[in-house]
């Protein structure tokens, strides 16, 4: 009997291949940096490990799925599975798992990078450096500021504790109100607009779903302080980008740090590129030098459970039988 074909599509695909091959000699594991690179093999793929985000070359779409008629399981190498599930529409026989729960440290660091850069005016200082201009400017510190964290999965929970160590007042917003370590107060998500005027930073770490789409709209932005900052590390559709660009131009809020967007890569004609009070990062929050090492703590056990015929014991199984993703959106 031929070995089952597993395909890993990722920029670190060789690391995954090297780590798994020794432990799973019964699987034919192929590494590829794009679906185009693996095109001849796609009809034979039964197991796919992929980012599952809509980026050129690695975006999992219905067209890509159609080229894999034997596909039985997709391991998302991110916490959210919405793009993969969209590509698999109508194929309820395909299992989907994620790596939800591993992104707390790296996403918290990215949130702090944006928050500190916005508070300290880092983009303006870097522009001054390029122009050889010595100009001091007002500096904000995080201590005693109030941060609102929308999303209380692994990332939001970790971020709450990190913000507390900076001396911040921490408010969390969740679908289910429960004690969160590090949080001063936990509110139902429906209370966000009411509490928004108290926030100095609003950080989004939620996936895009029916309950979060355009959660940050013109009304919510108008409710925020003119000195407040928005940081989005969740998904682009959570924010109304047109309303945000307008609010940033008009000074409704002070600035924004954005790692995710409605369309990725961010189109050249997006006004967000040109706004001086915006920091744009390329959906990099969940990625770092140890990304593969972290993901393998889920992928390895899941591969063993799948091969042993124990799908019910796979970690973060979101499909079939469950439609909502756990954890953050990265």
Protein backbone atom coordinates (compact mmCIF):
# COMPACT_ATOMS: atom_id res chain seq x y z
CA UNK A 1 0.00 0.00 0.00
CA UNK A 2 1.44 3.44 -0.91
CA UNK A 3 2.24 5.87 1.87
CA UNK A 4 -0.31 8.65 2.48
CA UNK A 5 0.84 11.90 0.87
CA UNK A 6 1.26 14.88 3.20
CA UNK A 7 1.97 18.37 1.84
CA UNK A 8 3.34 21.23 3.93
CA UNK A 9 2.91 24.65 2.30
CA UNK A 10 4.73 27.29 4.31
CA UNK A 11 7.83 29.47 4.20
CA UNK A 12 9.30 27.14 6.87
CA UNK A 13 8.14 24.00 5.04
CA UNK A 14 11.58 22.35 5.13
CA UNK A 15 11.70 22.66 8.92
CA UNK A 16 8.36 20.90 9.23
CA UNK A 17 9.45 18.20 6.79
CA UNK A 18 12.71 17.56 8.64
CA UNK A 19 11.03 17.45 12.04
CA UNK A 20 8.24 15.07 10.98
CA UNK A 21 10.02 12.69 8.62
CA UNK A 22 11.97 10.89 11.32
CA UNK A 23 8.94 10.29 13.53
CA UNK A 24 6.54 9.41 10.71
CA UNK A 25 8.35 7.22 8.17
CA UNK A 26 4.98 5.80 7.14
CA UNK A 27 4.02 9.19 5.60
CA UNK A 28 5.34 10.65 2.34
CA UNK A 29 5.95 14.27 3.38
CA UNK A 30 6.52 16.94 0.72
CA UNK A 31 7.59 20.52 1.45
CA UNK A 32 6.60 23.43 -0.79
CA UNK A 33 6.66 27.21 -0.48
CA UNK A 34 3.55 27.62 -2.63
CA UNK A 35 0.76 25.54 -4.10
CA UNK A 36 2.19 26.21 -7.56
CA UNK A 37 5.45 24.54 -6.53
CA UNK A 38 3.52 21.40 -5.56
CA UNK A 39 1.01 21.46 -8.43
CA UNK A 40 1.81 17.97 -9.85
CA UNK A 41 1.34 16.38 -6.43
CA UNK A 42 -1.94 18.00 -5.41
CA UNK A 43 -4.25 15.24 -6.72
CA UNK A 44 -2.57 12.75 -4.36
CA UNK A 45 -2.53 14.89 -1.20
CA UNK A 46 -4.47 13.45 1.74
CA UNK A 47 -2.99 15.59 4.52
CA UNK A 48 -2.28 19.31 4.19
CA UNK A 49 -0.49 21.61 6.63
CA UNK A 50 -0.87 25.23 5.57
CA UNK A 51 -1.10 28.77 6.87
CA UNK A 52 -4.58 29.09 5.44
CA UNK A 53 -4.39 32.88 5.12
CA UNK A 54 -5.24 34.74 1.87
CA UNK A 55 -1.71 35.57 0.73
CA UNK A 56 -0.32 35.09 -2.80
CA UNK A 57 0.90 31.57 -3.44
CA UNK A 58 -0.19 30.14 -0.10
CA UNK A 59 -3.84 31.18 0.03
CA UNK A 60 -6.10 28.14 0.41
CA UNK A 61 -9.08 28.71 -1.89
CA UNK A 62 -11.88 26.63 -3.38
CA UNK A 63 -9.83 26.42 -6.59
CA UNK A 64 -6.88 24.97 -4.68
CA UNK A 65 -9.14 22.56 -2.79
CA UNK A 66 -10.64 21.35 -6.07
CA UNK A 67 -7.18 20.19 -7.13
CA UNK A 68 -7.02 17.90 -4.07
CA UNK A 69 -9.91 15.43 -4.42
CA UNK A 70 -8.32 12.99 -1.93
CA UNK A 71 -7.82 15.59 0.79
CA UNK A 72 -8.98 14.25 4.16
CA UNK A 73 -7.43 16.58 6.76
CA UNK A 74 -6.13 20.16 6.84
CA UNK A 75 -3.92 21.33 9.72
CA UNK A 76 -3.99 25.13 9.82
CA UNK A 77 -0.68 26.54 11.00
CA UNK A 78 -2.53 29.54 12.44
CA UNK A 79 -5.22 29.84 15.10
CA UNK A 80 -8.09 30.70 12.76
CA UNK A 81 -9.56 28.36 10.18
CA UNK A 82 -12.15 30.57 8.50
CA UNK A 83 -10.32 30.83 5.18
CA UNK A 84 -9.70 27.09 5.01
CA UNK A 85 -13.30 26.29 5.88
CA UNK A 86 -14.45 28.72 3.21
CA UNK A 87 -12.29 26.93 0.65
CA UNK A 88 -13.74 23.59 1.76
CA UNK A 89 -17.36 24.68 1.50
CA UNK A 90 -19.48 21.61 0.81
CA UNK A 91 -16.76 19.14 1.77
CA UNK A 92 -17.85 18.21 5.27
CA UNK A 93 -15.81 15.02 5.14
CA UNK A 94 -12.53 16.94 5.45
CA UNK A 95 -11.20 17.36 8.99
CA UNK A 96 -9.79 20.76 9.97
CA UNK A 97 -7.57 21.49 12.96
CA UNK A 98 -5.73 24.63 14.07
CA UNK A 99 -2.83 25.56 16.33
CA UNK A 100 -4.97 27.76 18.59
CA UNK A 101 -3.39 28.33 21.97
CA UNK A 102 0.27 28.73 20.98
CA UNK A 103 0.38 32.39 19.95
CA UNK A 104 0.16 34.19 23.29
CA UNK A 105 3.80 35.36 23.63
CA UNK A 106 4.44 36.44 20.04
CA UNK A 107 1.12 38.19 19.59
CA UNK A 108 1.54 39.98 22.91
CA UNK A 109 4.94 41.19 21.78
CA UNK A 110 3.49 42.46 18.50
CA UNK A 111 0.73 44.27 20.38
CA UNK A 112 3.31 45.91 22.62
CA UNK A 113 5.44 46.81 19.61
CA UNK A 114 2.51 48.73 18.13
CA UNK A 115 1.44 50.26 21.43
CA UNK A 116 4.92 51.46 22.36
CA UNK A 117 5.67 52.73 18.85
CA UNK A 118 2.42 54.69 18.76
CA UNK A 119 2.83 56.06 22.28
CA UNK A 120 6.44 57.13 21.71
CA UNK A 121 5.91 58.47 18.20
CA UNK A 122 8.45 56.05 16.74
CA UNK A 123 7.39 56.47 13.07
CA UNK A 124 7.97 60.25 13.28
CA UNK A 125 11.33 59.74 14.99
CA UNK A 126 12.42 57.32 12.26
CA UNK A 127 11.39 59.83 9.60
CA UNK A 128 13.42 62.46 11.43
CA UNK A 129 16.40 60.12 11.55
CA UNK A 130 16.24 59.62 7.78
CA UNK A 131 16.11 63.39 7.35
CA UNK A 132 18.95 63.92 9.90
CA UNK A 133 16.56 66.08 11.93
CA UNK A 134 16.95 66.35 15.71
CA UNK A 135 13.49 67.08 17.07
CA UNK A 136 12.11 66.08 20.44
CA UNK A 137 8.41 65.32 20.67
CA UNK A 138 5.86 64.48 23.37
CA UNK A 139 6.27 60.99 24.83
CA UNK A 140 3.54 58.85 26.34
CA UNK A 141 4.16 55.95 28.67
CA UNK A 142 1.95 52.88 29.02
CA UNK A 143 1.92 52.95 32.81
CA UNK A 144 -1.46 54.07 34.18
CA UNK A 145 -3.05 54.02 30.72
CA UNK A 146 -6.20 51.95 30.12
CA UNK A 147 -6.17 49.22 27.50
CA UNK A 148 -9.25 47.42 26.21
CA UNK A 149 -8.57 43.93 24.86
CA UNK A 150 -11.29 42.46 22.63
CA UNK A 151 -10.89 38.70 22.58
CA UNK A 152 -10.07 36.54 25.57
CA UNK A 153 -8.62 33.42 24.01
CA UNK A 154 -5.01 32.41 24.52
CA UNK A 155 -3.69 35.66 23.04
CA UNK A 156 -6.01 38.05 24.86
CA UNK A 157 -5.44 36.29 28.17
CA UNK A 158 -1.66 36.40 27.77
CA UNK A 159 -1.74 40.03 26.66
CA UNK A 160 -3.81 41.02 29.70
CA UNK A 161 -1.10 39.77 32.06
CA UNK A 162 1.65 41.43 30.03
CA UNK A 163 -0.15 44.78 30.03
CA UNK A 164 -0.61 44.49 33.78
CA UNK A 165 3.17 44.17 34.22
CA UNK A 166 3.49 47.52 32.43
CA UNK A 167 1.25 49.06 35.06
CA UNK A 168 -1.73 49.46 32.75
CA UNK A 169 -5.38 49.28 33.71
CA UNK A 170 -6.73 46.28 31.79
CA UNK A 171 -10.29 45.84 30.57
CA UNK A 172 -11.20 42.69 28.63
CA UNK A 173 -14.23 42.23 26.38
CA UNK A 174 -15.51 38.71 25.85
CA UNK A 175 -18.49 36.79 24.55
CA UNK A 176 -18.47 34.98 27.89
CA UNK A 177 -17.70 36.99 31.01
CA UNK A 178 -15.33 35.11 33.28
CA UNK A 179 -12.31 35.97 35.44
CA UNK A 180 -9.22 36.76 33.30
CA UNK A 181 -5.81 36.80 35.03
CA UNK A 182 -4.40 40.31 34.82
CA UNK A 183 -7.72 41.97 33.96
CA UNK A 184 -9.15 44.67 36.21
CA UNK A 185 -12.57 44.23 34.64
CA UNK A 186 -14.17 41.83 32.16
CA UNK A 187 -17.13 43.12 30.17
CA UNK A 188 -19.47 41.44 27.71
CA UNK A 189 -18.51 42.44 24.17
CA UNK A 190 -21.80 44.32 23.87
CA UNK A 191 -20.48 46.85 26.41
CA UNK A 192 -17.57 47.94 24.21
CA UNK A 193 -19.19 51.12 22.87
CA UNK A 194 -20.18 52.21 26.37
CA UNK A 195 -16.70 51.67 27.81
CA UNK A 196 -14.78 52.94 24.76
CA UNK A 197 -14.52 56.55 26.06
CA UNK A 198 -12.39 55.26 28.95
CA UNK A 199 -9.79 53.52 26.77
CA UNK A 200 -6.36 54.82 25.79
CA UNK A 201 -5.70 51.74 23.65
CA UNK A 202 -8.14 49.35 22.00
CA UNK A 203 -6.50 46.06 20.96
CA UNK A 204 -8.35 43.57 18.77
CA UNK A 205 -7.38 39.88 18.89
CA UNK A 206 -10.61 38.28 17.66
CA UNK A 207 -11.35 36.26 14.50
CA UNK A 208 -13.73 37.56 11.86
CA UNK A 209 -17.18 36.06 12.23
CA UNK A 210 -20.78 37.20 12.21
CA UNK A 211 -20.38 38.69 15.68
CA UNK A 212 -17.18 40.65 15.02
CA UNK A 213 -17.44 41.81 11.41
CA UNK A 214 -17.16 45.63 11.38
CA UNK A 215 -17.17 45.61 15.17
CA UNK A 216 -15.09 48.77 14.96
CA UNK A 217 -17.19 51.12 12.86
CA UNK A 218 -17.64 54.88 12.62
CA UNK A 219 -19.82 54.91 15.72
CA UNK A 220 -17.33 53.10 17.92
CA UNK A 221 -14.45 55.23 16.64
CA UNK A 222 -16.44 58.37 17.46
CA UNK A 223 -16.94 57.06 20.99
CA UNK A 224 -13.18 56.74 21.59
CA UNK A 225 -10.96 59.48 22.99
CA UNK A 226 -9.24 61.70 20.42
CA UNK A 227 -6.01 60.68 22.19
CA UNK A 228 -6.72 56.95 21.91
CA UNK A 229 -5.02 54.38 19.66
CA UNK A 230 -6.43 51.33 17.88
CA UNK A 231 -4.36 48.15 17.38
CA UNK A 232 -5.74 45.36 15.21
CA UNK A 233 -4.00 41.97 15.29
CA UNK A 234 -7.12 39.89 14.72
CA UNK A 235 -8.64 40.02 11.25
CA UNK A 236 -9.11 42.89 8.82
CA UNK A 237 -12.92 42.60 8.49
CA UNK A 238 -13.29 43.37 12.21
CA UNK A 239 -12.57 47.02 11.35
CA UNK A 240 -14.37 49.27 8.88
CA UNK A 241 -11.22 50.50 7.11
CA UNK A 242 -12.96 53.36 5.31
CA UNK A 243 -14.35 54.70 8.59
CA UNK A 244 -10.96 54.19 10.25
CA UNK A 245 -9.07 56.12 7.56
CA UNK A 246 -11.56 58.96 7.89
CA UNK A 247 -11.27 58.98 11.69
CA UNK A 248 -7.47 59.04 11.47
CA UNK A 249 -7.48 61.91 8.98
CA UNK A 250 -9.95 63.94 11.02
CA UNK A 251 -8.28 63.31 14.37
CA UNK A 252 -11.19 61.35 15.82
CA UNK A 253 -8.53 59.02 17.27
CA UNK A 254 -4.80 59.62 17.56
CA UNK A 255 -3.44 56.69 15.58
CA UNK A 256 -3.59 53.02 14.68
CA UNK A 257 -1.30 50.02 14.50
CA UNK A 258 -2.55 47.51 11.94
CA UNK A 259 -1.20 44.02 11.25
CA UNK A 260 -4.27 42.68 9.39
CA UNK A 261 -6.44 44.10 6.63
CA UNK A 262 -9.58 43.50 4.59
CA UNK A 263 -7.44 42.67 1.56
CA UNK A 264 -3.94 41.25 1.98
CA UNK A 265 -1.41 42.24 0.86
CA UNK A 266 -2.67 45.77 1.53
CA UNK A 267 -3.37 47.31 -1.90
CA UNK A 268 -1.10 50.10 -3.11
CA UNK A 269 -4.03 52.51 -3.32
CA UNK A 270 -5.10 52.07 0.31
CA UNK A 271 -5.05 55.41 2.16
CA UNK A 272 -3.69 53.59 5.20
CA UNK A 273 -0.24 53.52 3.60
CA UNK A 274 -0.06 57.32 3.51
CA UNK A 275 -1.36 58.31 6.93
CA UNK A 276 1.41 59.50 9.22
CA UNK A 277 -0.43 58.25 12.31
CA UNK A 278 -0.66 54.65 11.09
CA UNK A 279 1.80 51.78 11.53
CA UNK A 280 1.39 49.00 8.94
CA UNK A 281 2.92 45.56 9.51
CA UNK A 282 2.45 42.65 7.06
CA UNK A 283 0.31 40.18 9.06
CA UNK A 284 3.43 39.25 11.01
CA UNK A 285 2.05 39.03 14.54
CA UNK A 286 2.02 35.25 14.83
CA UNK A 287 5.28 34.56 13.02
CA UNK A 288 8.76 34.45 14.48
CA UNK A 289 11.95 32.40 14.61
CA UNK A 290 10.26 29.58 16.58
CA UNK A 291 6.91 29.43 14.76
CA UNK A 292 7.48 25.96 13.34
CA UNK A 293 8.73 24.65 16.67
CA UNK A 294 5.57 25.86 18.38
CA UNK A 295 3.20 24.58 15.68
CA UNK A 296 4.81 21.14 15.77
CA UNK A 297 3.64 20.71 19.36
CA UNK A 298 0.14 20.48 17.87
CA UNK A 299 0.87 19.10 14.40
CA UNK A 300 2.91 16.14 15.63
CA UNK A 301 0.31 14.77 18.08
CA UNK A 302 -2.46 15.43 15.57
CA UNK A 303 -0.65 13.52 12.85
CA UNK A 304 -0.21 10.54 15.19
CA UNK A 305 -3.88 10.64 16.22
CA UNK A 306 -4.97 10.83 12.58
CA UNK A 307 -2.80 7.90 11.50
CA UNK A 308 -4.00 5.84 14.46
CA UNK A 309 -7.65 6.44 13.54
CA UNK A 310 -8.36 8.65 16.56
CA UNK A 311 -9.71 11.87 15.00
CA UNK A 312 -11.79 12.57 18.09
CA UNK A 313 -8.52 13.01 20.02
CA UNK A 314 -7.03 15.57 17.64
CA UNK A 315 -6.16 18.94 19.16
CA UNK A 316 -8.26 21.96 18.13
CA UNK A 317 -10.63 20.04 15.86
CA UNK A 318 -12.95 22.68 14.42
CA UNK A 319 -14.59 20.84 11.53
CA UNK A 320 -16.74 18.88 11.23
CA UNK A 321 -18.91 19.26 14.32
CA UNK A 322 -17.81 22.76 15.29
CA UNK A 323 -18.00 26.00 13.35
CA UNK A 324 -16.39 28.54 15.68
CA UNK A 325 -12.65 28.86 16.12
CA UNK A 326 -11.09 28.86 19.55
CA UNK A 327 -8.40 31.29 20.56
CA UNK A 328 -7.19 34.24 18.55
CA UNK A 329 -7.33 34.91 14.89
CA UNK A 330 -3.68 34.52 13.99
